[in-house]
């Protein structure tokens, strides 16, 4: 099931945010599950979170190879 930012319903936004915060869920996993690219996920997070929360999330994401499964050997199974 693929989404784009304009077609995401409010109830799914909470689930996508939870996936994005989860250290074990890569951007590739989010893309497979929700049809959002890494860029779209970042835009959604920026729109949905308070500024301070977004900054904290971005710092976490930048330090975690697990968010980029193509850069790590760890791939999360659904």
Protein backbone atom coordinates (compact mmCIF):
# COMPACT_ATOMS: atom_id res chain seq x y z
CA UNK A 1 0.00 0.00 0.00
CA UNK A 2 1.61 3.25 -1.09
CA UNK A 3 0.89 6.73 0.14
CA UNK A 4 2.08 10.17 -0.69
CA UNK A 5 2.09 13.06 1.73
CA UNK A 6 -1.19 14.47 0.46
CA UNK A 7 -3.10 11.19 0.86
CA UNK A 8 -1.97 10.15 4.34
CA UNK A 9 -4.82 10.00 6.81
CA UNK A 10 -4.38 11.28 10.34
CA UNK A 11 -4.53 7.85 11.97
CA UNK A 12 -1.64 6.64 9.81
CA UNK A 13 0.53 9.64 10.67
CA UNK A 14 0.85 8.44 14.26
CA UNK A 15 1.95 4.99 13.07
CA UNK A 16 4.47 6.45 10.62
CA UNK A 17 5.89 8.70 13.35
CA UNK A 18 6.22 5.69 15.66
CA UNK A 19 8.04 3.78 12.91
CA UNK A 20 10.33 6.74 12.26
CA UNK A 21 11.22 7.04 15.98
CA UNK A 22 11.88 3.29 16.25
CA UNK A 23 15.63 2.64 16.02
CA UNK A 24 15.01 -0.79 14.52
CA UNK A 25 12.86 0.46 11.62
CA UNK A 26 14.89 1.69 8.65
CA UNK A 27 13.77 4.26 6.10
CA UNK A 28 13.64 1.39 3.61
CA UNK A 29 11.18 -0.45 5.89
CA UNK A 30 9.05 2.70 6.10
CA UNK A 31 9.15 2.98 2.31
CA UNK A 32 7.98 -0.62 1.92
CA UNK A 33 5.24 -0.32 4.55
CA UNK A 34 3.97 3.20 3.80
CA UNK A 35 5.32 4.08 0.35
CA UNK A 36 7.18 7.14 1.67
CA UNK A 37 10.71 7.97 0.64
CA UNK A 38 13.30 9.00 3.22
CA UNK A 39 12.79 12.61 2.14
CA UNK A 40 8.99 12.34 2.48
CA UNK A 41 9.39 10.78 5.94
CA UNK A 42 11.59 13.67 7.03
CA UNK A 43 9.07 16.20 5.67
CA UNK A 44 6.23 14.43 7.49
CA UNK A 45 8.21 14.41 10.73
CA UNK A 46 9.07 18.09 10.37
CA UNK A 47 5.40 18.99 9.79
CA UNK A 48 4.08 16.78 12.57
CA UNK A 49 6.55 17.30 15.42
CA UNK A 50 7.36 20.36 17.45
CA UNK A 51 10.61 21.95 16.32
CA UNK A 52 12.61 20.74 19.31
CA UNK A 53 11.33 17.17 18.92
CA UNK A 54 12.18 17.22 15.22
CA UNK A 55 15.74 18.42 15.94
CA UNK A 56 16.23 15.64 18.52
CA UNK A 57 14.86 13.05 16.06
CA UNK A 58 17.14 14.24 13.24
CA UNK A 59 20.20 14.02 15.51
CA UNK A 60 19.22 10.46 16.46
CA UNK A 61 18.63 9.44 12.85
CA UNK A 62 21.92 10.87 11.65
CA UNK A 63 23.85 8.81 14.20
CA UNK A 64 22.09 5.48 13.53
CA UNK A 65 23.15 3.21 10.70
CA UNK A 66 20.13 1.00 11.45
CA UNK A 67 17.89 3.74 9.99
CA UNK A 68 19.67 3.18 6.69
CA UNK A 69 19.47 -0.58 6.14
CA UNK A 70 21.42 -0.30 2.89
CA UNK A 71 24.34 1.03 4.93
CA UNK A 72 24.09 -1.64 7.60
CA UNK A 73 23.80 -5.40 7.63
CA UNK A 74 20.74 -5.31 9.91
CA UNK A 75 17.36 -5.51 8.19
CA UNK A 76 14.16 -5.55 10.23
CA UNK A 77 11.62 -8.26 9.47
CA UNK A 78 7.91 -7.29 9.60
